[in-house]
C-alpha atoms as a PDB file:
ATOM      1  CA  UNK A   1      65.678 101.285  -0.486  1.00  0.00           C
ATOM      2  CA  UNK A   2      63.260 102.034  -3.009  1.00  0.00           C
ATOM      3  CA  UNK A   3      63.407 101.416  -6.165  1.00  0.00           C
ATOM      4  CA  UNK A   4      61.313 104.097  -8.225  1.00  0.00           C
ATOM      5  CA  UNK A   5      60.979 107.281  -7.273  1.00  0.00           C
ATOM      6  CA  UNK A   6      57.093 107.801  -7.854  1.00  0.00           C
ATOM      7  CA  UNK A   7      54.547 105.542  -7.125  1.00  0.00           C
ATOM      8  CA  UNK A   8      50.746 106.299  -8.643  1.00  0.00           C
ATOM      9  CA  UNK A   9      48.534 106.166  -5.710  1.00  0.00           C
ATOM     10  CA  UNK A  10      44.482 105.847  -6.277  1.00  0.00           C
ATOM     11  CA  UNK A  11      42.951 108.287  -3.951  1.00  0.00           C
ATOM     12  CA  UNK A  12      39.352 106.598  -3.765  1.00  0.00           C
ATOM     13  CA  UNK A  13      40.227 103.433  -2.973  1.00  0.00           C
ATOM     14  CA  UNK A  14      43.265 103.852  -1.178  1.00  0.00           C
ATOM     15  CA  UNK A  15      45.727 101.579  -2.993  1.00  0.00           C
ATOM     16  CA  UNK A  16      48.568 101.183  -5.107  1.00  0.00           C
ATOM     17  CA  UNK A  17      47.815 101.666  -9.100  1.00  0.00           C
ATOM     18  CA  UNK A  18      50.548  99.955 -11.358  1.00  0.00           C
ATOM     19  CA  UNK A  19      51.505 102.311 -14.006  1.00  0.00           C
ATOM     20  CA  UNK A  20      49.785 100.389 -16.947  1.00  0.00           C
ATOM     21  CA  UNK A  21      46.485 100.424 -15.154  1.00  0.00           C
ATOM     22  CA  UNK A  22      46.309 103.846 -14.940  1.00  0.00           C
ATOM     23  CA  UNK A  23      44.313 104.890 -17.956  1.00  0.00           C
ATOM     24  CA  UNK A  24      41.984 102.042 -17.656  1.00  0.00           C
ATOM     25  CA  UNK A  25      40.937 102.950 -14.137  1.00  0.00           C
ATOM     26  CA  UNK A  26      40.991 106.158 -14.590  1.00  0.00           C
ATOM     27  CA  UNK A  27      37.879 105.346 -17.338  1.00  0.00           C
ATOM     28  CA  UNK A  28      36.160 102.727 -15.715  1.00  0.00           C
ATOM     29  CA  UNK A  29      35.803 103.063 -12.384  1.00  0.00           C
ATOM     30  CA  UNK A  30      36.553 106.695 -12.436  1.00  0.00           C
ATOM     31  CA  UNK A  31      39.230 106.727  -9.965  1.00  0.00           C
ATOM     32  CA  UNK A  32      41.534 109.537  -8.524  1.00  0.00           C
ATOM     33  CA  UNK A  33      44.862 108.727  -9.120  1.00  0.00           C
ATOM     34  CA  UNK A  34      47.676 110.925  -8.159  1.00  0.00           C
ATOM     35  CA  UNK A  35      51.827 110.499  -8.295  1.00  0.00           C
ATOM     36  CA  UNK A  36      53.452 110.358  -5.572  1.00  0.00           C
ATOM     37  CA  UNK A  37      57.155 111.559  -5.372  1.00  0.00           C
ATOM     38  CA  UNK A  38      58.850 109.095  -2.945  1.00  0.00           C
ATOM     39  CA  UNK A  39      62.020 110.934  -2.145  1.00  0.00           C
ATOM     40  CA  UNK A  40      59.979 113.659  -0.525  1.00  0.00           C
ATOM     41  CA  UNK A  41      57.343 111.240   1.214  1.00  0.00           C
ATOM     42  CA  UNK A  42      60.143 109.794   3.056  1.00  0.00           C
ATOM     43  CA  UNK A  43      60.923 113.028   4.767  1.00  0.00           C
ATOM     44  CA  UNK A  44      57.466 114.229   5.626  1.00  0.00           C
ATOM     45  CA  UNK A  45      56.930 113.385   9.821  1.00  0.00           C
ATOM     46  CA  UNK A  46      53.126 111.794   9.448  1.00  0.00           C
ATOM     47  CA  UNK A  47      52.722 112.161  12.961  1.00  0.00           C
ATOM     48  CA  UNK A  48      52.569 115.709  12.894  1.00  0.00           C
ATOM     49  CA  UNK A  49      51.153 116.338   9.469  1.00  0.00           C
ATOM     50  CA  UNK A  50      48.403 114.202  10.988  1.00  0.00           C
ATOM     51  CA  UNK A  51      48.140 116.260  14.258  1.00  0.00           C
ATOM     52  CA  UNK A  52      48.261 119.532  11.785  1.00  0.00           C
ATOM     53  CA  UNK A  53      45.217 118.343   9.882  1.00  0.00           C
ATOM     54  CA  UNK A  54      43.398 117.409  12.533  1.00  0.00           C
ATOM     55  CA  UNK A  55      43.656 120.289  14.396  1.00  0.00           C
ATOM     56  CA  UNK A  56      43.279 122.441  11.264  1.00  0.00           C
ATOM     57  CA  UNK A  57      40.346 121.050  10.615  1.00  0.00           C
ATOM     58  CA  UNK A  58      38.687 120.005  14.270  1.00  0.00           C
ATOM     59  CA  UNK A  59      36.513 123.588  13.768  1.00  0.00           C
ATOM     60  CA  UNK A  60      35.339 124.798   9.973  1.00  0.00           C
ATOM     61  CA  UNK A  61      35.023 128.157  11.683  1.00  0.00           C
ATOM     62  CA  UNK A  62      38.004 128.722  13.042  1.00  0.00           C
ATOM     63  CA  UNK A  63      40.048 127.257   9.849  1.00  0.00           C
ATOM     64  CA  UNK A  64      38.090 129.226   7.773  1.00  0.00           C
ATOM     65  CA  UNK A  65      38.864 132.228  10.131  1.00  0.00           C
ATOM     66  CA  UNK A  66      42.179 131.751  10.214  1.00  0.00           C
ATOM     67  CA  UNK A  67      42.259 131.068   6.342  1.00  0.00           C
ATOM     68  CA  UNK A  68      40.695 134.342   5.892  1.00  0.00           C
ATOM     69  CA  UNK A  69      43.285 136.211   8.414  1.00  0.00           C
ATOM     70  CA  UNK A  70      46.025 134.189   6.612  1.00  0.00           C
ATOM     71  CA  UNK A  71      44.972 135.559   3.234  1.00  0.00           C
ATOM     72  CA  UNK A  72      44.348 139.344   3.993  1.00  0.00           C
ATOM     73  CA  UNK A  73      47.731 139.583   5.627  1.00  0.00           C
ATOM     74  CA  UNK A  74      49.229 138.616   2.210  1.00  0.00           C
ATOM     75  CA  UNK A  75      47.728 141.027   0.711  1.00  0.00           C
ATOM     76  CA  UNK A  76      49.156 143.937   2.047  1.00  0.00           C
END
């Protein structure tokens, strides 16, 4: 069972960050720290998410074309 709803995660080092150390790490080590909502993360199917990411970015050209098509379709 999760004790906390949110945790801080260092994207640069791929590790958990104590809330009390967050400011120092951002200043001294230039860490990119994000706040993760554990309640929402428990609902994510990471296999499906990983598959989507790999497919979406497998071809930069097709990803750009798909994003452009989507953008143009939402403007009307």
